[in-house]
PDB file of N, CA and C in Angstrom:
ATOM      1  N   UNK A   1     -25.421  38.344  -4.532  1.00  0.00           N
ATOM      2  CA  UNK A   1     -26.205  37.146  -4.309  1.00  0.00           C
ATOM      3  C   UNK A   1     -25.687  35.989  -5.174  1.00  0.00           C
ATOM      4  N   UNK A   2     -25.305  36.313  -6.415  1.00  0.00           N
ATOM      5  CA  UNK A   2     -24.796  35.299  -7.320  1.00  0.00           C
ATOM      6  C   UNK A   2     -23.468  34.727  -6.802  1.00  0.00           C
ATOM      7  N   UNK A   3     -22.636  35.575  -6.220  1.00  0.00           N
ATOM      8  CA  UNK A   3     -21.358  35.138  -5.675  1.00  0.00           C
ATOM      9  C   UNK A   3     -21.565  34.190  -4.492  1.00  0.00           C
ATOM     10  N   UNK A   4     -22.525  34.493  -3.643  1.00  0.00           N
ATOM     11  CA  UNK A   4     -22.809  33.650  -2.484  1.00  0.00           C
ATOM     12  C   UNK A   4     -23.323  32.290  -2.944  1.00  0.00           C
ATOM     13  N   UNK A   5     -24.211  32.271  -3.928  1.00  0.00           N
ATOM     14  CA  UNK A   5     -24.754  31.024  -4.451  1.00  0.00           C
ATOM     15  C   UNK A   5     -23.642  30.171  -5.065  1.00  0.00           C
ATOM     16  N   UNK A   6     -22.746  30.805  -5.815  1.00  0.00           N
ATOM     17  CA  UNK A   6     -21.630  30.084  -6.436  1.00  0.00           C
ATOM     18  C   UNK A   6     -20.704  29.497  -5.370  1.00  0.00           C
ATOM     19  N   UNK A   7     -20.413  30.279  -4.343  1.00  0.00           N
ATOM     20  CA  UNK A   7     -19.537  29.809  -3.272  1.00  0.00           C
ATOM     21  C   UNK A   7     -20.160  28.628  -2.534  1.00  0.00           C
ATOM     22  N   UNK A   8     -21.448  28.703  -2.266  1.00  0.00           N
ATOM     23  CA  UNK A   8     -22.139  27.603  -1.585  1.00  0.00           C
ATOM     24  C   UNK A   8     -22.169  26.349  -2.459  1.00  0.00           C
ATOM     25  N   UNK A   9     -22.348  26.521  -3.741  1.00  0.00           N
ATOM     26  CA  UNK A   9     -22.358  25.384  -4.659  1.00  0.00           C
ATOM     27  C   UNK A   9     -20.989  24.701  -4.678  1.00  0.00           C
ATOM     28  N   UNK A  10     -19.916  25.488  -4.734  1.00  0.00           N
ATOM     29  CA  UNK A  10     -18.566  24.919  -4.712  1.00  0.00           C
ATOM     30  C   UNK A  10     -18.288  24.197  -3.394  1.00  0.00           C
ATOM     31  N   UNK A  11     -18.733  24.776  -2.302  1.00  0.00           N
ATOM     32  CA  UNK A  11     -18.553  24.160  -0.997  1.00  0.00           C
ATOM     33  C   UNK A  11     -19.303  22.826  -0.913  1.00  0.00           C
ATOM     34  N   UNK A  12     -20.510  22.809  -1.449  1.00  0.00           N
ATOM     35  CA  UNK A  12     -21.308  21.578  -1.440  1.00  0.00           C
ATOM     36  C   UNK A  12     -20.636  20.488  -2.273  1.00  0.00           C
ATOM     37  N   UNK A  13     -20.116  20.833  -3.420  1.00  0.00           N
ATOM     38  CA  UNK A  13     -19.442  19.868  -4.295  1.00  0.00           C
ATOM     39  C   UNK A  13     -18.183  19.336  -3.613  1.00  0.00           C
ATOM     40  N   UNK A  14     -17.408  20.236  -3.013  1.00  0.00           N
ATOM     41  CA  UNK A  14     -16.184  19.826  -2.328  1.00  0.00           C
ATOM     42  C   UNK A  14     -16.493  18.889  -1.172  1.00  0.00           C
ATOM     43  N   UNK A  15     -17.559  19.159  -0.448  1.00  0.00           N
ATOM     44  CA  UNK A  15     -17.939  18.322   0.686  1.00  0.00           C
ATOM     45  C   UNK A  15     -18.364  16.933   0.225  1.00  0.00           C
ATOM     46  N   UNK A  16     -19.171  16.866  -0.798  1.00  0.00           N
ATOM     47  CA  UNK A  16     -19.663  15.584  -1.303  1.00  0.00           C
ATOM     48  C   UNK A  16     -18.513  14.742  -1.847  1.00  0.00           C
ATOM     49  N   UNK A  17     -17.611  15.327  -2.606  1.00  0.00           N
ATOM     50  CA  UNK A  17     -16.518  14.555  -3.192  1.00  0.00           C
ATOM     51  C   UNK A  17     -15.506  14.126  -2.140  1.00  0.00           C
ATOM     52  N   UNK A  18     -15.322  14.888  -1.079  1.00  0.00           N
ATOM     53  CA  UNK A  18     -14.347  14.496  -0.061  1.00  0.00           C
ATOM     54  C   UNK A  18     -14.837  13.317   0.764  1.00  0.00           C
ATOM     55  N   UNK A  19     -16.140  13.133   0.938  1.00  0.00           N
ATOM     56  CA  UNK A  19     -16.648  12.003   1.702  1.00  0.00           C
ATOM     57  C   UNK A  19     -16.399  10.687   0.991  1.00  0.00           C
ATOM     58  N   UNK A  20     -16.411  10.659  -0.304  1.00  0.00           N
ATOM     59  CA  UNK A  20     -16.231   9.428  -1.056  1.00  0.00           C
ATOM     60  C   UNK A  20     -14.778   9.089  -1.325  1.00  0.00           C
ATOM     61  N   UNK A  21     -13.845   9.944  -0.966  1.00  0.00           N
ATOM     62  CA  UNK A  21     -12.445   9.735  -1.311  1.00  0.00           C
ATOM     63  C   UNK A  21     -11.831   8.508  -0.647  1.00  0.00           C
ATOM     64  N   UNK A  22     -12.199   8.201   0.587  1.00  0.00           N
ATOM     65  CA  UNK A  22     -11.584   7.094   1.302  1.00  0.00           C
ATOM     66  C   UNK A  22     -12.405   5.815   1.252  1.00  0.00           C
ATOM     67  N   UNK A  23     -13.544   5.840   0.602  1.00  0.00           N
ATOM     68  CA  UNK A  23     -14.406   4.669   0.553  1.00  0.00           C
ATOM     69  C   UNK A  23     -13.972   3.725  -0.556  1.00  0.00           C
ATOM     70  N   UNK A  24     -14.203   2.426  -0.381  1.00  0.00           N
ATOM     71  CA  UNK A  24     -13.875   1.480  -1.448  1.00  0.00           C
ATOM     72  C   UNK A  24     -14.658   1.787  -2.721  1.00  0.00           C
ATOM     73  N   UNK A  25     -14.071   1.451  -3.851  1.00  0.00           N
ATOM     74  CA  UNK A  25     -14.710   1.743  -5.123  1.00  0.00           C
ATOM     75  C   UNK A  25     -15.851   0.776  -5.428  1.00  0.00           C
ATOM     76  N   UNK A  26     -15.739  -0.470  -4.974  1.00  0.00           N
ATOM     77  CA  UNK A  26     -16.771  -1.466  -5.229  1.00  0.00           C
ATOM     78  C   UNK A  26     -17.351  -1.921  -3.901  1.00  0.00           C
ATOM     79  N   UNK A  27     -18.590  -2.327  -3.945  1.00  0.00           N
ATOM     80  CA  UNK A  27     -19.243  -2.801  -2.735  1.00  0.00           C
ATOM     81  C   UNK A  27     -18.529  -4.039  -2.208  1.00  0.00           C
ATOM     82  N   UNK A  28     -18.187  -4.024  -0.927  1.00  0.00           N
ATOM     83  CA  UNK A  28     -17.502  -5.145  -0.303  1.00  0.00           C
ATOM     84  C   UNK A  28     -15.995  -5.125  -0.451  1.00  0.00           C
ATOM     85  N   UNK A  29     -15.460  -4.181  -1.219  1.00  0.00           N
ATOM     86  CA  UNK A  29     -14.026  -4.102  -1.431  1.00  0.00           C
ATOM     87  C   UNK A  29     -13.375  -3.381  -0.245  1.00  0.00           C
ATOM     88  N   UNK A  30     -12.269  -3.937   0.245  1.00  0.00           N
ATOM     89  CA  UNK A  30     -11.563  -3.314   1.358  1.00  0.00           C
ATOM     90  C   UNK A  30     -10.703  -2.164   0.849  1.00  0.00           C
ATOM     91  N   UNK A  31     -10.535  -1.117   1.661  1.00  0.00           N
ATOM     92  CA  UNK A  31      -9.621  -0.040   1.247  1.00  0.00           C
ATOM     93  C   UNK A  31      -8.193  -0.585   1.222  1.00  0.00           C
ATOM     94  N   UNK A  32      -7.379  -0.076   0.303  1.00  0.00           N
ATOM     95  CA  UNK A  32      -6.008  -0.554   0.174  1.00  0.00           C
ATOM     96  C   UNK A  32      -5.166  -0.069   1.343  1.00  0.00           C
ATOM     97  N   UNK A  33      -4.246  -0.941   1.774  1.00  0.00           N
ATOM     98  CA  UNK A  33      -3.328  -0.584   2.851  1.00  0.00           C
ATOM     99  C   UNK A  33      -2.129   0.156   2.275  1.00  0.00           C
ATOM    100  N   UNK A  34      -1.548   1.029   3.089  1.00  0.00           N
ATOM    101  CA  UNK A  34      -0.309   1.687   2.696  1.00  0.00           C
ATOM    102  C   UNK A  34       0.816   0.668   2.816  1.00  0.00           C
ATOM    103  N   UNK A  35       1.941   0.910   2.163  1.00  0.00           N
ATOM    104  CA  UNK A  35       3.068  -0.015   2.311  1.00  0.00           C
ATOM    105  C   UNK A  35       3.500  -0.177   3.780  1.00  0.00           C
ATOM    106  N   UNK A  36       3.425   0.897   4.552  1.00  0.00           N
ATOM    107  CA  UNK A  36       3.790   0.831   5.967  1.00  0.00           C
ATOM    108  C   UNK A  36       2.832  -0.075   6.744  1.00  0.00           C
ATOM    109  N   UNK A  37       1.543   0.018   6.436  1.00  0.00           N
ATOM    110  CA  UNK A  37       0.554  -0.840   7.093  1.00  0.00           C
ATOM    111  C   UNK A  37       0.757  -2.306   6.693  1.00  0.00           C
ATOM    112  N   UNK A  38       1.077  -2.538   5.430  1.00  0.00           N
ATOM    113  CA  UNK A  38       1.324  -3.891   4.950  1.00  0.00           C
ATOM    114  C   UNK A  38       2.561  -4.475   5.630  1.00  0.00           C
ATOM    115  N   UNK A  39       3.609  -3.658   5.800  1.00  0.00           N
ATOM    116  CA  UNK A  39       4.819  -4.110   6.487  1.00  0.00           C
ATOM    117  C   UNK A  39       4.486  -4.559   7.905  1.00  0.00           C
ATOM    118  N   UNK A  40       3.724  -3.751   8.616  1.00  0.00           N
ATOM    119  CA  UNK A  40       3.337  -4.070   9.992  1.00  0.00           C
ATOM    120  C   UNK A  40       2.544  -5.370  10.045  1.00  0.00           C
ATOM    121  N   UNK A  41       1.649  -5.556   9.082  1.00  0.00           N
ATOM    122  CA  UNK A  41       0.841  -6.776   9.046  1.00  0.00           C
ATOM    123  C   UNK A  41       1.703  -8.006   8.746  1.00  0.00           C
ATOM    124  N   UNK A  42       2.626  -7.890   7.809  1.00  0.00           N
ATOM    125  CA  UNK A  42       3.475  -9.013   7.411  1.00  0.00           C
ATOM    126  C   UNK A  42       4.494  -9.380   8.494  1.00  0.00           C
ATOM    127  N   UNK A  43       4.921  -8.395   9.287  1.00  0.00           N
ATOM    128  CA  UNK A  43       5.925  -8.619  10.331  1.00  0.00           C
ATOM    129  C   UNK A  43       5.271  -9.304  11.526  1.00  0.00           C
ATOM    130  N   UNK A  44       5.017 -10.599  11.383  1.00  0.00           N
ATOM    131  CA  UNK A  44       4.258 -11.366  12.369  1.00  0.00           C
ATOM    132  C   UNK A  44       4.904 -11.375  13.748  1.00  0.00           C
ATOM    133  N   UNK A  45       6.231 -11.486  13.813  1.00  0.00           N
ATOM    134  CA  UNK A  45       6.887 -11.555  15.113  1.00  0.00           C
ATOM    135  C   UNK A  45       7.286 -10.172  15.649  1.00  0.00           C
ATOM    136  N   UNK A  46       6.948  -9.133  14.920  1.00  0.00           N
ATOM    137  CA  UNK A  46       7.160  -7.729  15.345  1.00  0.00           C
ATOM    138  C   UNK A  46       8.617  -7.424  15.696  1.00  0.00           C
ATOM    139  N   UNK A  47       9.551  -7.993  14.908  1.00  0.00           N
ATOM    140  CA  UNK A  47      10.963  -7.732  15.155  1.00  0.00           C
ATOM    141  C   UNK A  47      11.523  -6.598  14.291  1.00  0.00           C
ATOM    142  N   UNK A  48      10.662  -5.944  13.521  1.00  0.00           N
ATOM    143  CA  UNK A  48      11.084  -4.808  12.704  1.00  0.00           C
ATOM    144  C   UNK A  48      11.642  -5.189  11.349  1.00  0.00           C
ATOM    145  N   UNK A  49      11.528  -6.463  10.997  1.00  0.00           N
ATOM    146  CA  UNK A  49      11.974  -6.925   9.684  1.00  0.00           C
ATOM    147  C   UNK A  49      11.093  -8.099   9.268  1.00  0.00           C
ATOM    148  N   UNK A  50      11.051  -8.335   7.967  1.00  0.00           N
ATOM    149  CA  UNK A  50      10.215  -9.416   7.440  1.00  0.00           C
ATOM    150  C   UNK A  50      11.120 -10.516   6.909  1.00  0.00           C
ATOM    151  N   UNK A  51      10.944 -11.709   7.449  1.00  0.00           N
ATOM    152  CA  UNK A  51      11.698 -12.864   6.959  1.00  0.00           C
ATOM    153  C   UNK A  51      11.058 -13.353   5.664  1.00  0.00           C
ATOM    154  N   UNK A  52      11.758 -14.224   4.979  1.00  0.00           N
ATOM    155  CA  UNK A  52      11.229 -14.797   3.743  1.00  0.00           C
ATOM    156  C   UNK A  52       9.945 -15.575   4.033  1.00  0.00           C
ATOM    157  N   UNK A  53       9.924 -16.293   5.163  1.00  0.00           N
ATOM    158  CA  UNK A  53       8.739 -17.066   5.543  1.00  0.00           C
ATOM    159  C   UNK A  53       7.543 -16.147   5.787  1.00  0.00           C
ATOM    160  N   UNK A  54       7.773 -15.038   6.483  1.00  0.00           N
ATOM    161  CA  UNK A  54       6.695 -14.074   6.740  1.00  0.00           C
ATOM    162  C   UNK A  54       6.193 -13.485   5.423  1.00  0.00           C
ATOM    163  N   UNK A  55       7.123 -13.193   4.521  1.00  0.00           N
ATOM    164  CA  UNK A  55       6.766 -12.595   3.234  1.00  0.00           C
ATOM    165  C   UNK A  55       5.937 -13.548   2.381  1.00  0.00           C
ATOM    166  N   UNK A  56       6.291 -14.833   2.405  1.00  0.00           N
ATOM    167  CA  UNK A  56       5.615 -15.815   1.564  1.00  0.00           C
ATOM    168  C   UNK A  56       4.287 -16.302   2.139  1.00  0.00           C
ATOM    169  N   UNK A  57       4.058 -16.087   3.423  1.00  0.00           N
ATOM    170  CA  UNK A  57       2.832 -16.572   4.061  1.00  0.00           C
ATOM    171  C   UNK A  57       1.604 -15.989   3.357  1.00  0.00           C
ATOM    172  N   UNK A  58       0.707 -16.862   2.930  1.00  0.00           N
ATOM    173  CA  UNK A  58      -0.521 -16.442   2.267  1.00  0.00           C
ATOM    174  C   UNK A  58      -0.360 -16.139   0.787  1.00  0.00           C
ATOM    175  N   UNK A  59       0.818 -16.381   0.249  1.00  0.00           N
ATOM    176  CA  UNK A  59       1.069 -16.112  -1.164  1.00  0.00           C
ATOM    177  C   UNK A  59       0.313 -17.096  -2.051  1.00  0.00           C
ATOM    178  N   UNK A  60      -0.241 -16.606  -3.130  1.00  0.00           N
ATOM    179  CA  UNK A  60      -0.939 -17.461  -4.093  1.00  0.00           C
ATOM    180  C   UNK A  60       0.030 -18.042  -5.117  1.00  0.00           C
ATOM    181  N   UNK A  61       1.145 -17.344  -5.353  1.00  0.00           N
ATOM    182  CA  UNK A  61       2.147 -17.794  -6.320  1.00  0.00           C
ATOM    183  C   UNK A  61       3.517 -17.710  -5.642  1.00  0.00           C
ATOM    184  N   UNK A  62       3.949 -18.807  -5.050  1.00  0.00           N
ATOM    185  CA  UNK A  62       5.185 -18.832  -4.270  1.00  0.00           C
ATOM    186  C   UNK A  62       6.405 -18.440  -5.095  1.00  0.00           C
ATOM    187  N   UNK A  63       6.497 -18.917  -6.318  1.00  0.00           N
ATOM    188  CA  UNK A  63       7.660 -18.620  -7.154  1.00  0.00           C
ATOM    189  C   UNK A  63       7.749 -17.120  -7.444  1.00  0.00           C
ATOM    190  N   UNK A  64       6.625 -16.537  -7.760  1.00  0.00           N
ATOM    191  CA  UNK A  64       6.590 -15.100  -8.046  1.00  0.00           C
ATOM    192  C   UNK A  64       6.929 -14.298  -6.780  1.00  0.00           C
ATOM    193  N   UNK A  65       6.412 -14.733  -5.654  1.00  0.00           N
ATOM    194  CA  UNK A  65       6.679 -14.049  -4.393  1.00  0.00           C
ATOM    195  C   UNK A  65       8.143 -14.175  -3.986  1.00  0.00           C
ATOM    196  N   UNK A  66       8.743 -15.341  -4.222  1.00  0.00           N
ATOM    197  CA  UNK A  66      10.166 -15.518  -3.909  1.00  0.00           C
ATOM    198  C   UNK A  66      11.029 -14.598  -4.761  1.00  0.00           C
ATOM    199  N   UNK A  67      10.674 -14.455  -6.033  1.00  0.00           N
ATOM    200  CA  UNK A  67      11.413 -13.557  -6.919  1.00  0.00           C
ATOM    201  C   UNK A  67      11.260 -12.104  -6.448  1.00  0.00           C
ATOM    202  N   UNK A  68      10.067 -11.745  -6.018  1.00  0.00           N
ATOM    203  CA  UNK A  68       9.817 -10.398  -5.522  1.00  0.00           C
ATOM    204  C   UNK A  68      10.624 -10.133  -4.252  1.00  0.00           C
ATOM    205  N   UNK A  69      10.670 -11.119  -3.362  1.00  0.00           N
ATOM    206  CA  UNK A  69      11.455 -10.992  -2.129  1.00  0.00           C
ATOM    207  C   UNK A  69      12.925 -10.763  -2.468  1.00  0.00           C
ATOM    208  N   UNK A  70      13.452 -11.556  -3.391  1.00  0.00           N
ATOM    209  CA  UNK A  70      14.860 -11.442  -3.775  1.00  0.00           C
ATOM    210  C   UNK A  70      15.180 -10.061  -4.345  1.00  0.00           C
ATOM    211  N   UNK A  71      14.265  -9.510  -5.131  1.00  0.00           N
ATOM    212  CA  UNK A  71      14.477  -8.175  -5.700  1.00  0.00           C
ATOM    213  C   UNK A  71      14.467  -7.100  -4.616  1.00  0.00           C
ATOM    214  N   UNK A  72      13.569  -7.239  -3.656  1.00  0.00           N
ATOM    215  CA  UNK A  72      13.436  -6.238  -2.597  1.00  0.00           C
ATOM    216  C   UNK A  72      14.580  -6.305  -1.582  1.00  0.00           C
ATOM    217  N   UNK A  73      15.151  -7.488  -1.372  1.00  0.00           N
ATOM    218  CA  UNK A  73      16.208  -7.669  -0.373  1.00  0.00           C
ATOM    219  C   UNK A  73      17.529  -7.101  -0.906  1.00  0.00           C
ATOM    220  N   UNK A  74      17.663  -5.789  -0.833  1.00  0.00           N
ATOM    221  CA  UNK A  74      18.793  -5.079  -1.437  1.00  0.00           C
ATOM    222  C   UNK A  74      20.142  -5.505  -0.849  1.00  0.00           C
ATOM    223  N   UNK A  75      20.202  -5.716   0.458  1.00  0.00           N
ATOM    224  CA  UNK A  75      21.484  -6.078   1.077  1.00  0.00           C
ATOM    225  C   UNK A  75      21.687  -7.594   1.188  1.00  0.00           C
ATOM    226  N   UNK A  76      20.739  -8.371   0.684  1.00  0.00           N
ATOM    227  CA  UNK A  76      20.818  -9.838   0.603  1.00  0.00           C
ATOM    228  C   UNK A  76      21.085 -10.497   1.954  1.00  0.00           C
ATOM    229  N   UNK A  77      20.438  -9.963   3.012  1.00  0.00           N
ATOM    230  CA  UNK A  77      20.610 -10.551   4.346  1.00  0.00           C
ATOM    231  C   UNK A  77      19.509 -11.551   4.691  1.00  0.00           C
ATOM    232  N   UNK A  78      18.568 -11.764   3.775  1.00  0.00           N
ATOM    233  CA  UNK A  78      17.491 -12.719   4.020  1.00  0.00           C
ATOM    234  C   UNK A  78      16.293 -12.133   4.741  1.00  0.00           C
ATOM    235  N   UNK A  79      16.315 -10.824   4.970  1.00  0.00           N
ATOM    236  CA  UNK A  79      15.210 -10.120   5.618  1.00  0.00           C
ATOM    237  C   UNK A  79      14.919  -8.840   4.858  1.00  0.00           C
ATOM    238  N   UNK A  80      13.695  -8.345   4.996  1.00  0.00           N
ATOM    239  CA  UNK A  80      13.342  -7.052   4.417  1.00  0.00           C
ATOM    240  C   UNK A  80      13.156  -6.054   5.548  1.00  0.00           C
ATOM    241  N   UNK A  81      13.925  -4.982   5.493  1.00  0.00           N
ATOM    242  CA  UNK A  81      13.718  -3.887   6.435  1.00  0.00           C
ATOM    243  C   UNK A  81      12.505  -3.099   5.957  1.00  0.00           C
ATOM    244  N   UNK A  82      12.030  -2.205   6.782  1.00  0.00           N
ATOM    245  CA  UNK A  82      10.888  -1.377   6.380  1.00  0.00           C
ATOM    246  C   UNK A  82      11.249  -0.563   5.132  1.00  0.00           C
ATOM    247  N   UNK A  83      12.487  -0.083   5.075  1.00  0.00           N
ATOM    248  CA  UNK A  83      12.933   0.714   3.924  1.00  0.00           C
ATOM    249  C   UNK A  83      12.951  -0.127   2.647  1.00  0.00           C
ATOM    250  N   UNK A  84      13.466  -1.357   2.746  1.00  0.00           N
ATOM    251  CA  UNK A  84      13.498  -2.239   1.575  1.00  0.00           C
ATOM    252  C   UNK A  84      12.075  -2.586   1.134  1.00  0.00           C
ATOM    253  N   UNK A  85      11.214  -2.885   2.103  1.00  0.00           N
ATOM    254  CA  UNK A  85       9.853  -3.304   1.788  1.00  0.00           C
ATOM    255  C   UNK A  85       9.047  -2.181   1.140  1.00  0.00           C
ATOM    256  N   UNK A  86       9.204  -0.951   1.639  1.00  0.00           N
ATOM    257  CA  UNK A  86       8.378   0.153   1.154  1.00  0.00           C
ATOM    258  C   UNK A  86       8.986   0.894  -0.034  1.00  0.00           C
ATOM    259  N   UNK A  87      10.216   0.556  -0.413  1.00  0.00           N
ATOM    260  CA  UNK A  87      10.862   1.221  -1.549  1.00  0.00           C
ATOM    261  C   UNK A  87      10.064   0.959  -2.828  1.00  0.00           C
ATOM    262  N   UNK A  88       9.972   2.002  -3.641  1.00  0.00           N
ATOM    263  CA  UNK A  88       9.275   1.867  -4.926  1.00  0.00           C
ATOM    264  C   UNK A  88      10.047   0.902  -5.816  1.00  0.00           C
ATOM    265  N   UNK A  89       9.350   0.081  -6.580  1.00  0.00           N
ATOM    266  CA  UNK A  89      10.055  -0.846  -7.466  1.00  0.00           C
ATOM    267  C   UNK A  89      10.829  -0.087  -8.532  1.00  0.00           C
ATOM    268  N   UNK A  90      11.986  -0.642  -8.889  1.00  0.00           N
ATOM    269  CA  UNK A  90      12.807  -0.019  -9.931  1.00  0.00           C
ATOM    270  C   UNK A  90      12.175  -0.258 -11.279  1.00  0.00           C
ATOM    271  N   UNK A  91      12.215   0.766 -12.127  1.00  0.00           N
ATOM    272  CA  UNK A  91      11.658   0.639 -13.475  1.00  0.00           C
ATOM    273  C   UNK A  91      12.617  -0.133 -14.357  1.00  0.00           C
ATOM    274  N   UNK A  92      12.039  -0.904 -15.273  1.00  0.00           N
ATOM    275  CA  UNK A  92      12.844  -1.672 -16.214  1.00  0.00           C
ATOM    276  C   UNK A  92      13.424  -0.738 -17.268  1.00  0.00           C
ATOM    277  N   UNK A  93      14.638  -1.023 -17.704  1.00  0.00           N
ATOM    278  CA  UNK A  93      15.262  -0.234 -18.763  1.00  0.00           C
ATOM    279  C   UNK A  93      14.557  -0.523 -20.081  1.00  0.00           C
ATOM    280  N   UNK A  94      14.371   0.518 -20.865  1.00  0.00           N
ATOM    281  CA  UNK A  94      13.648   0.361 -22.132  1.00  0.00           C
ATOM    282  C   UNK A  94      14.479  -0.225 -23.220  1.00  0.00           C
TER     283      UNK A  94
END
């Protein structure tokens, strides 16, 4: 009987915690998008790449965003591929 009660308690805890996993942490806060979802949203003309103009649209700090674009544009073609956009940022040397 004790084993059944323990198992049910663990199941109840697992169920309760899994429901809150995808919910925003604060009231009114939107869930964060994945890098792939962000790429799709930024790619306004749906050509499979993000231009500098698309990347900067809606930016609050244009200079910072331009620097970020330049860092991400690995092949320096003026566009970000999905791979360039979703790549993890390189860590700074210590």
